[in-house]
Amino acid sequence: MKSLNQTLDSREVAEMVGKQHKNVVRDIRVYIEELNELKIEPVDFFKESTYTDGKGEVRPCFLVTKKGCEFIAHKLTGIKGTEFTARYINRFHDMEDTIREGIPQRGSTPKRPALSSVNMAAKIMKDSYKEAGVDSKFIAVAVNNLYKNEAGIDFGIPLITDKVDMPKLYDCTEIAKELGIYSTGDKPHSLAVSAIIQKLHMEESEIVTTPFSRNGHSDVTVQYKPSVFDDVKLWLAENNYPVGISYVDSKGNAKLCTVVYRGVA
């Protein structure tokens, strides 16, 4: 039946989640063991298969069903899980459209997913980013990239690197580097900067939540406008560059950061 073709190759899944294929295969084997222990049929989620690599050697892979993709998505955290959910839903809708139109999937010329699928993926992305508190400008950039990559539609939204429309933002590590705030271990003291920011009276508009992706992991992070950078610099001068900066941790305990300053007269 054509419906049996509605699976994703684990190599494609690996690309979607930003992992090496061997690691995805390893994870799926663990999931299969867990499902077997729970007396749940793994074949409804993952089907063993093989492929031939560039050297002509047969390698293991899995065919991942829609249920399997949902299973993997629940194992991912933060924005990475949302991104994978949007992408696999997009792919399955594309396959359903292909089957409905009676066009062979294998060996055919790749075509862009249906616009309705991209619209659905964009809605999931926007709702998730809004819930995570991401700034609307960055949501617009992320959605624009989705439409550009998946549907070939570019709304002309400025890139995050555009310094006119997207001014410089700082995270705590960048502020520490530029102001010479280092730990005794000779690393930028981002925690000390965070401790200083705790003491400042900032406007909500000075804090920007943005998405990020690094080493295959996606999430959201807090960054600050240049006015916060200036306020941290002023606080250091007014307090004579203290070597001990107090802060309160997430559990309400008082802590102290020991700081070494670089390039400060």
C-alpha atoms as a PDB file:
ATOM      1  CA  MET A   1       0.000   0.000   0.000  1.00  0.00           C
ATOM      2  CA  LYS A   2       1.146   3.531  -0.708  1.00  0.00           C
ATOM      3  CA  SER A   3       0.630   4.521   2.930  1.00  0.00           C
ATOM      4  CA  LEU A   4       3.506   2.248   3.911  1.00  0.00           C
ATOM      5  CA  ASN A   5       5.852   4.624   2.101  1.00  0.00           C
ATOM      6  CA  GLN A   6       5.049   7.367   4.603  1.00  0.00           C
ATOM      7  CA  THR A   7       8.221   7.037   6.601  1.00  0.00           C
ATOM      8  CA  LEU A   8      11.382   9.086   6.910  1.00  0.00           C
ATOM      9  CA  ASP A   9      14.818   7.558   6.526  1.00  0.00           C
ATOM     10  CA  SER A  10      16.783   7.908   9.763  1.00  0.00           C
ATOM     11  CA  ARG A  11      19.495   9.708   7.772  1.00  0.00           C
ATOM     12  CA  GLU A  12      17.000  12.473   6.997  1.00  0.00           C
ATOM     13  CA  VAL A  13      15.910  12.528  10.643  1.00  0.00           C
ATOM     14  CA  ALA A  14      19.567  12.902  11.665  1.00  0.00           C
ATOM     15  CA  GLU A  15      19.901  15.924   9.381  1.00  0.00           C
ATOM     16  CA  MET A  16      16.714  17.448  10.790  1.00  0.00           C
ATOM     17  CA  VAL A  17      17.814  17.129  14.438  1.00  0.00           C
ATOM     18  CA  GLY A  18      21.455  18.093  13.800  1.00  0.00           C
ATOM     19  CA  LYS A  19      23.009  14.797  14.903  1.00  0.00           C
ATOM     20  CA  GLN A  20      25.342  12.260  13.322  1.00  0.00           C
ATOM     21  CA  HIS A  21      23.400   9.386  11.785  1.00  0.00           C
ATOM     22  CA  LYS A  22      25.208   6.778  13.901  1.00  0.00           C
ATOM     23  CA  ASN A  23      24.008   8.573  17.035  1.00  0.00           C
ATOM     24  CA  VAL A  24      20.412   8.645  15.807  1.00  0.00           C
ATOM     25  CA  VAL A  25      20.609   4.905  15.062  1.00  0.00           C
ATOM     26  CA  ARG A  26      21.974   4.346  18.566  1.00  0.00           C
ATOM     27  CA  ASP A  27      19.155   6.389  20.100  1.00  0.00           C
ATOM     28  CA  ILE A  28      16.501   4.520  18.110  1.00  0.00           C
ATOM     29  CA  ARG A  29      17.885   1.173  19.293  1.00  0.00           C
ATOM     30  CA  VAL A  30      17.492   2.407  22.873  1.00  0.00           C
ATOM     31  CA  TYR A  31      13.929   3.512  22.154  1.00  0.00           C
ATOM     32  CA  ILE A  32      13.137   0.088  20.705  1.00  0.00           C
ATOM     33  CA  GLU A  33      14.443  -1.591  23.863  1.00  0.00           C
ATOM     34  CA  GLU A  34      12.267   0.692  25.983  1.00  0.00           C
ATOM     35  CA  LEU A  35       9.192  -0.039  23.846  1.00  0.00           C
ATOM     36  CA  ASN A  36       9.821  -3.795  24.039  1.00  0.00           C
ATOM     37  CA  GLU A  37      10.067  -3.583  27.828  1.00  0.00           C
ATOM     38  CA  LEU A  38       6.709  -1.801  27.855  1.00  0.00           C
ATOM     39  CA  LYS A  39       5.177  -4.495  25.591  1.00  0.00           C
ATOM     40  CA  ILE A  40       4.591  -1.889  22.865  1.00  0.00           C
ATOM     41  CA  GLU A  41       5.231  -2.946  19.266  1.00  0.00           C
ATOM     42  CA  PRO A  42       8.304  -0.994  18.032  1.00  0.00           C
ATOM     43  CA  VAL A  43       7.479  -1.557  14.350  1.00  0.00           C
ATOM     44  CA  ASP A  44       4.678   1.010  14.659  1.00  0.00           C
ATOM     45  CA  PHE A  45       7.428   3.553  15.301  1.00  0.00           C
ATOM     46  CA  PHE A  46      10.681   2.285  13.782  1.00  0.00           C
ATOM     47  CA  LYS A  47      11.406  -0.261  11.052  1.00  0.00           C
ATOM     48  CA  GLU A  48      14.895  -1.685  10.557  1.00  0.00           C
ATOM     49  CA  SER A  49      16.375  -1.160   7.109  1.00  0.00           C
ATOM     50  CA  THR A  50      19.707  -0.752   5.311  1.00  0.00           C
ATOM     51  CA  TYR A  51      21.328   1.471   2.711  1.00  0.00           C
ATOM     52  CA  THR A  52      24.480   1.292   0.602  1.00  0.00           C
ATOM     53  CA  ASP A  53      27.060   3.975   1.333  1.00  0.00           C
ATOM     54  CA  GLY A  54      29.464   5.647  -1.090  1.00  0.00           C
ATOM     55  CA  LYS A  55      31.943   2.795  -0.699  1.00  0.00           C
ATOM     56  CA  GLY A  56      29.364   0.208  -1.679  1.00  0.00           C
ATOM     57  CA  GLU A  57      29.070  -1.085   1.894  1.00  0.00           C
ATOM     58  CA  VAL A  58      25.689  -1.950   3.398  1.00  0.00           C
ATOM     59  CA  ARG A  59      24.917   0.127   6.486  1.00  0.00           C
ATOM     60  CA  PRO A  60      22.035  -0.052   8.999  1.00  0.00           C
ATOM     61  CA  CYS A  61      19.341   2.584   9.135  1.00  0.00           C
ATOM     62  CA  PHE A  62      15.712   2.858  10.233  1.00  0.00           C
ATOM     63  CA  LEU A  63      12.506   3.885   8.548  1.00  0.00           C
ATOM     64  CA  VAL A  64      10.788   6.225  10.985  1.00  0.00           C
ATOM     65  CA  THR A  65       6.994   6.422  10.923  1.00  0.00           C
ATOM     66  CA  LYS A  66       4.990   9.515  11.854  1.00  0.00           C
ATOM     67  CA  LYS A  67       4.514   7.990  15.331  1.00  0.00           C
ATOM     68  CA  GLY A  68       8.270   7.468  15.492  1.00  0.00           C
ATOM     69  CA  CYS A  69       8.894  11.111  14.631  1.00  0.00           C
ATOM     70  CA  GLU A  70       6.458  12.165  17.375  1.00  0.00           C
ATOM     71  CA  PHE A  71       8.348   9.872  19.770  1.00  0.00           C
ATOM     72  CA  ILE A  72      11.707  11.449  18.852  1.00  0.00           C
ATOM     73  CA  ALA A  73      10.265  14.981  19.070  1.00  0.00           C
ATOM     74  CA  HIS A  74       9.141  14.323  22.655  1.00  0.00           C
ATOM     75  CA  LYS A  75      12.698  13.292  23.513  1.00  0.00           C
ATOM     76  CA  LEU A  76      14.102  16.620  22.315  1.00  0.00           C
ATOM     77  CA  THR A  77      14.094  19.724  24.497  1.00  0.00           C
ATOM     78  CA  GLY A  78      13.490  23.402  23.856  1.00  0.00           C
ATOM     79  CA  ILE A  79      13.314  24.933  20.412  1.00  0.00           C
ATOM     80  CA  LYS A  80      15.097  21.961  18.844  1.00  0.00           C
ATOM     81  CA  GLY A  81      12.039  19.819  19.527  1.00  0.00           C
ATOM     82  CA  THR A  82       9.784  22.464  18.015  1.00  0.00           C
ATOM     83  CA  GLU A  83      11.967  22.799  14.925  1.00  0.00           C
ATOM     84  CA  PHE A  84      11.978  19.035  14.347  1.00  0.00           C
ATOM     85  CA  THR A  85       8.200  18.839  14.866  1.00  0.00           C
ATOM     86  CA  ALA A  86       7.617  21.563  12.280  1.00  0.00           C
ATOM     87  CA  ARG A  87       9.959  19.924   9.773  1.00  0.00           C
ATOM     88  CA  TYR A  88       8.651  16.365  10.063  1.00  0.00           C
ATOM     89  CA  ILE A  89       5.009  17.533   9.872  1.00  0.00           C
ATOM     90  CA  ASN A  90       5.968  19.453   6.752  1.00  0.00           C
ATOM     91  CA  ARG A  91       7.547  16.333   5.206  1.00  0.00           C
ATOM     92  CA  PHE A  92       4.609  14.037   5.980  1.00  0.00           C
ATOM     93  CA  HIS A  93       2.127  16.525   4.545  1.00  0.00           C
ATOM     94  CA  ASP A  94       4.270  16.678   1.427  1.00  0.00           C
ATOM     95  CA  MET A  95       4.220  12.878   1.141  1.00  0.00           C
ATOM     96  CA  GLU A  96       0.451  12.796   1.625  1.00  0.00           C
ATOM     97  CA  ASP A  97       0.041  15.351  -1.168  1.00  0.00           C
ATOM     98  CA  THR A  98       2.323  13.273  -3.377  1.00  0.00           C
ATOM     99  CA  ILE A  99       0.283  10.094  -2.760  1.00  0.00           C
ATOM    100  CA  ARG A 100      -2.987  11.963  -3.321  1.00  0.00           C
ATOM    101  CA  GLU A 101      -1.715  13.284  -6.658  1.00  0.00           C
ATOM    102  CA  GLY A 102      -0.533   9.800  -7.674  1.00  0.00           C
ATOM    103  CA  ILE A 103       3.059  10.896  -8.275  1.00  0.00           C
ATOM    104  CA  PRO A 104       5.748   8.244  -7.532  1.00  0.00           C
ATOM    105  CA  GLN A 105       7.876   9.268  -4.554  1.00  0.00           C
ATOM    106  CA  ARG A 106      11.057   7.365  -5.223  1.00  0.00           C
ATOM    107  CA  GLY A 107      13.193   8.413  -8.144  1.00  0.00           C
ATOM    108  CA  SER A 108      11.020  11.410  -8.955  1.00  0.00           C
ATOM    109  CA  THR A 109      12.293  14.961  -9.142  1.00  0.00           C
ATOM    110  CA  PRO A 110      12.202  16.535  -5.678  1.00  0.00           C
ATOM    111  CA  LYS A 111       9.478  19.142  -5.357  1.00  0.00           C
ATOM    112  CA  ARG A 112       8.825  21.796  -2.776  1.00  0.00           C
ATOM    113  CA  PRO A 113       6.327  20.983  -0.027  1.00  0.00           C
ATOM    114  CA  ALA A 114       2.789  22.266  -0.379  1.00  0.00           C
ATOM    115  CA  LEU A 115       2.349  25.838   0.830  1.00  0.00           C
ATOM    116  CA  SER A 116      -0.307  24.630   3.293  1.00  0.00           C
ATOM    117  CA  SER A 117       2.359  22.432   4.927  1.00  0.00           C
ATOM    118  CA  VAL A 118       4.783  25.345   5.191  1.00  0.00           C
ATOM    119  CA  ASN A 119       2.007  27.518   6.652  1.00  0.00           C
ATOM    120  CA  MET A 120       1.343  24.895   9.327  1.00  0.00           C
ATOM    121  CA  ALA A 121       5.059  24.593  10.148  1.00  0.00           C
ATOM    122  CA  ALA A 122       5.312  28.392  10.367  1.00  0.00           C
ATOM    123  CA  LYS A 123       2.360  28.556  12.780  1.00  0.00           C
ATOM    124  CA  ILE A 124       3.942  25.933  15.057  1.00  0.00           C
ATOM    125  CA  MET A 125       7.234  27.829  14.981  1.00  0.00           C
ATOM    126  CA  LYS A 126       5.619  31.221  15.713  1.00  0.00           C
ATOM    127  CA  ASP A 127       3.473  29.909  18.571  1.00  0.00           C
ATOM    128  CA  SER A 128       6.416  28.129  20.190  1.00  0.00           C
ATOM    129  CA  TYR A 129       8.747  31.134  19.927  1.00  0.00           C
ATOM    130  CA  LYS A 130       6.061  33.450  21.322  1.00  0.00           C
ATOM    131  CA  GLU A 131       5.525  31.101  24.265  1.00  0.00           C
ATOM    132  CA  ALA A 132       9.283  31.117  24.892  1.00  0.00           C
ATOM    133  CA  GLY A 133       9.271  34.937  24.934  1.00  0.00           C
ATOM    134  CA  VAL A 134      11.326  35.425  21.765  1.00  0.00           C
ATOM    135  CA  ASP A 135      11.368  38.993  20.454  1.00  0.00           C
ATOM    136  CA  SER A 136       8.978  39.517  17.522  1.00  0.00           C
ATOM    137  CA  LYS A 137      11.786  40.672  15.189  1.00  0.00           C
ATOM    138  CA  PHE A 138      13.593  37.369  15.608  1.00  0.00           C
ATOM    139  CA  ILE A 139      10.396  35.388  15.150  1.00  0.00           C
ATOM    140  CA  ALA A 140       9.924  37.215  11.844  1.00  0.00           C
ATOM    141  CA  VAL A 141      13.460  36.328  10.735  1.00  0.00           C
ATOM    142  CA  ALA A 142      13.017  32.641  11.667  1.00  0.00           C
ATOM    143  CA  VAL A 143       9.679  32.390   9.850  1.00  0.00           C
ATOM    144  CA  ASN A 144      11.091  34.186   6.805  1.00  0.00           C
ATOM    145  CA  ASN A 145      13.955  31.659   6.668  1.00  0.00           C
ATOM    146  CA  LEU A 146      11.456  28.794   6.853  1.00  0.00           C
ATOM    147  CA  TYR A 147       9.434  30.124   3.906  1.00  0.00           C
ATOM    148  CA  LYS A 148      12.604  30.913   1.924  1.00  0.00           C
ATOM    149  CA  ASN A 149      14.128  27.441   2.449  1.00  0.00           C
ATOM    150  CA  GLU A 150      10.961  25.352   2.134  1.00  0.00           C
ATOM    151  CA  ALA A 151       8.769  27.320  -0.296  1.00  0.00           C
ATOM    152  CA  GLY A 152      11.199  29.613  -2.115  1.00  0.00           C
ATOM    153  CA  ILE A 153       9.347  32.665  -0.793  1.00  0.00           C
ATOM    154  CA  ASP A 154      11.419  35.548   0.589  1.00  0.00           C
ATOM    155  CA  PHE A 155       9.537  38.337   2.365  1.00  0.00           C
ATOM    156  CA  GLY A 156      12.677  40.483   2.453  1.00  0.00           C
ATOM    157  CA  ILE A 157      12.900  40.647   6.249  1.00  0.00           C
ATOM    158  CA  PRO A 158      16.333  42.018   7.340  1.00  0.00           C
ATOM    159  CA  LEU A 159      18.896  39.525   8.586  1.00  0.00           C
ATOM    160  CA  ILE A 160      19.795  39.489  12.268  1.00  0.00           C
ATOM    161  CA  THR A 161      23.276  40.641  11.215  1.00  0.00           C
ATOM    162  CA  ASP A 162      21.859  43.799   9.623  1.00  0.00           C
ATOM    163  CA  LYS A 163      23.208  46.445  12.025  1.00  0.00           C
ATOM    164  CA  VAL A 164      20.744  49.121  10.894  1.00  0.00           C
ATOM    165  CA  ASP A 165      17.516  47.229  11.464  1.00  0.00           C
ATOM    166  CA  MET A 166      18.952  44.703  13.921  1.00  0.00           C
ATOM    167  CA  PRO A 167      21.333  46.639  16.238  1.00  0.00           C
ATOM    168  CA  LYS A 168      24.102  44.967  18.208  1.00  0.00           C
ATOM    169  CA  LEU A 169      22.976  42.764  21.076  1.00  0.00           C
ATOM    170  CA  TYR A 170      25.146  41.404  23.873  1.00  0.00           C
ATOM    171  CA  ASP A 171      24.998  38.259  25.948  1.00  0.00           C
ATOM    172  CA  CYS A 172      26.761  38.126  29.321  1.00  0.00           C
ATOM    173  CA  THR A 173      29.882  36.475  27.894  1.00  0.00           C
ATOM    174  CA  GLU A 174      30.303  39.184  25.244  1.00  0.00           C
ATOM    175  CA  ILE A 175      29.920  41.928  27.850  1.00  0.00           C
ATOM    176  CA  ALA A 176      32.514  40.205  30.042  1.00  0.00           C
ATOM    177  CA  LYS A 177      35.006  39.980  27.154  1.00  0.00           C
ATOM    178  CA  GLU A 178      34.603  43.593  26.046  1.00  0.00           C
ATOM    179  CA  LEU A 179      34.820  44.998  29.568  1.00  0.00           C
ATOM    180  CA  GLY A 180      37.696  42.745  30.640  1.00  0.00           C
ATOM    181  CA  ILE A 181      35.734  40.911  33.365  1.00  0.00           C
ATOM    182  CA  TYR A 182      37.445  37.541  33.862  1.00  0.00           C
ATOM    183  CA  SER A 183      37.420  34.715  36.376  1.00  0.00           C
ATOM    184  CA  THR A 184      40.477  33.492  38.263  1.00  0.00           C
ATOM    185  CA  GLY A 185      40.507  30.649  35.732  1.00  0.00           C
ATOM    186  CA  ASP A 186      41.135  33.251  32.990  1.00  0.00           C
ATOM    187  CA  LYS A 187      37.745  32.914  31.293  1.00  0.00           C
ATOM    188  CA  PRO A 188      35.176  35.653  30.583  1.00  0.00           C
ATOM    189  CA  HIS A 189      33.126  35.852  33.781  1.00  0.00           C
ATOM    190  CA  SER A 190      29.568  35.768  32.421  1.00  0.00           C
ATOM    191  CA  LEU A 191      28.183  34.982  35.881  1.00  0.00           C
ATOM    192  CA  ALA A 192      29.763  38.160  37.272  1.00  0.00           C
ATOM    193  CA  VAL A 193      28.107  40.177  34.500  1.00  0.00           C
ATOM    194  CA  SER A 194      24.794  38.482  35.296  1.00  0.00           C
ATOM    195  CA  ALA A 195      25.343  39.446  38.956  1.00  0.00           C
ATOM    196  CA  ILE A 196      25.839  43.088  37.986  1.00  0.00           C
ATOM    197  CA  ILE A 197      22.748  43.039  35.776  1.00  0.00           C
ATOM    198  CA  GLN A 198      20.751  41.809  38.791  1.00  0.00           C
ATOM    199  CA  LYS A 199      21.604  45.103  40.471  1.00  0.00           C
ATOM    200  CA  LEU A 200      20.556  47.327  37.564  1.00  0.00           C
ATOM    201  CA  HIS A 201      17.128  48.828  37.028  1.00  0.00           C
ATOM    202  CA  MET A 202      16.457  47.943  33.406  1.00  0.00           C
ATOM    203  CA  GLU A 203      13.494  48.600  31.215  1.00  0.00           C
ATOM    204  CA  GLU A 204      11.820  45.503  29.784  1.00  0.00           C
ATOM    205  CA  SER A 205      12.548  46.846  26.298  1.00  0.00           C
ATOM    206  CA  GLU A 206      16.307  46.531  26.982  1.00  0.00           C
ATOM    207  CA  ILE A 207      16.062  42.717  27.243  1.00  0.00           C
ATOM    208  CA  VAL A 208      15.707  40.672  24.043  1.00  0.00           C
ATOM    209  CA  THR A 209      15.006  36.941  23.898  1.00  0.00           C
ATOM    210  CA  THR A 210      16.372  35.361  20.715  1.00  0.00           C
ATOM    211  CA  PRO A 211      16.589  31.852  19.239  1.00  0.00           C
ATOM    212  CA  PHE A 212      20.023  30.287  18.752  1.00  0.00           C
ATOM    213  CA  SER A 213      21.490  27.113  17.304  1.00  0.00           C
ATOM    214  CA  ARG A 214      24.899  25.721  18.233  1.00  0.00           C
ATOM    215  CA  ASN A 215      26.476  22.283  17.729  1.00  0.00           C
ATOM    216  CA  GLY A 216      23.155  20.828  16.648  1.00  0.00           C
ATOM    217  CA  HIS A 217      21.300  22.188  19.669  1.00  0.00           C
ATOM    218  CA  SER A 218      18.671  24.895  19.398  1.00  0.00           C
ATOM    219  CA  ASP A 219      17.082  26.898  22.176  1.00  0.00           C
ATOM    220  CA  VAL A 220      16.419  30.486  23.214  1.00  0.00           C
ATOM    221  CA  THR A 221      18.782  32.867  24.977  1.00  0.00           C
ATOM    222  CA  VAL A 222      18.552  36.287  26.639  1.00  0.00           C
ATOM    223  CA  GLN A 223      20.539  39.158  25.156  1.00  0.00           C
ATOM    224  CA  TYR A 224      20.794  42.827  26.035  1.00  0.00           C
ATOM    225  CA  LYS A 225      20.736  46.105  24.130  1.00  0.00           C
ATOM    226  CA  PRO A 226      23.763  48.463  24.126  1.00  0.00           C
ATOM    227  CA  SER A 227      22.233  50.549  26.924  1.00  0.00           C
ATOM    228  CA  VAL A 228      22.693  47.597  29.300  1.00  0.00           C
ATOM    229  CA  PHE A 229      26.331  47.258  28.226  1.00  0.00           C
ATOM    230  CA  ASP A 230      26.816  50.952  29.061  1.00  0.00           C
ATOM    231  CA  ASP A 231      25.081  50.526  32.440  1.00  0.00           C
ATOM    232  CA  VAL A 232      27.331  47.589  33.388  1.00  0.00           C
ATOM    233  CA  LYS A 233      30.395  49.640  32.438  1.00  0.00           C
ATOM    234  CA  LEU A 234      29.150  52.585  34.522  1.00  0.00           C
ATOM    235  CA  TRP A 235      28.375  50.336  37.519  1.00  0.00           C
ATOM    236  CA  LEU A 236      31.944  48.999  37.481  1.00  0.00           C
ATOM    237  CA  ALA A 237      33.406  52.524  37.459  1.00  0.00           C
ATOM    238  CA  GLU A 238      31.092  53.761  40.231  1.00  0.00           C
ATOM    239  CA  ASN A 239      31.976  50.757  42.394  1.00  0.00           C
ATOM    240  CA  ASN A 240      35.758  50.964  41.739  1.00  0.00           C
ATOM    241  CA  TYR A 241      35.925  47.655  39.897  1.00  0.00           C
ATOM    242  CA  PRO A 242      35.266  45.361  42.862  1.00  0.00           C
ATOM    243  CA  VAL A 243      37.035  41.973  42.927  1.00  0.00           C
ATOM    244  CA  GLY A 244      34.032  40.454  44.673  1.00  0.00           C
ATOM    245  CA  ILE A 245      30.557  40.833  43.176  1.00  0.00           C
ATOM    246  CA  SER A 246      27.601  39.468  45.118  1.00  0.00           C
ATOM    247  CA  TYR A 247      24.543  37.865  43.568  1.00  0.00           C
ATOM    248  CA  VAL A 248      21.561  35.706  44.484  1.00  0.00           C
ATOM    249  CA  ASP A 249      21.287  32.278  42.849  1.00  0.00           C
ATOM    250  CA  SER A 250      18.107  30.614  41.579  1.00  0.00           C
ATOM    251  CA  LYS A 251      17.482  29.110  45.035  1.00  0.00           C
ATOM    252  CA  GLY A 252      17.703  32.478  46.774  1.00  0.00           C
ATOM    253  CA  ASN A 253      21.172  31.866  48.253  1.00  0.00           C
ATOM    254  CA  ALA A 254      23.690  34.738  48.462  1.00  0.00           C
ATOM    255  CA  LYS A 255      26.870  34.032  46.457  1.00  0.00           C
ATOM    256  CA  LEU A 256      30.048  35.909  45.546  1.00  0.00           C
ATOM    257  CA  CYS A 257      31.890  36.090  42.210  1.00  0.00           C
ATOM    258  CA  THR A 258      35.650  36.621  42.340  1.00  0.00           C
ATOM    259  CA  VAL A 259      36.756  38.794  39.422  1.00  0.00           C
ATOM    260  CA  VAL A 260      40.060  39.601  37.709  1.00  0.00           C
ATOM    261  CA  TYR A 261      40.053  42.640  35.414  1.00  0.00           C
ATOM    262  CA  ARG A 262      41.960  42.827  32.137  1.00  0.00           C
ATOM    263  CA  GLY A 263      42.971  46.057  30.435  1.00  0.00           C
ATOM    264  CA  VAL A 264      41.537  48.236  33.209  1.00  0.00           C
ATOM    265  CA  ALA A 265      43.775  51.089  34.336  1.00  0.00           C
END
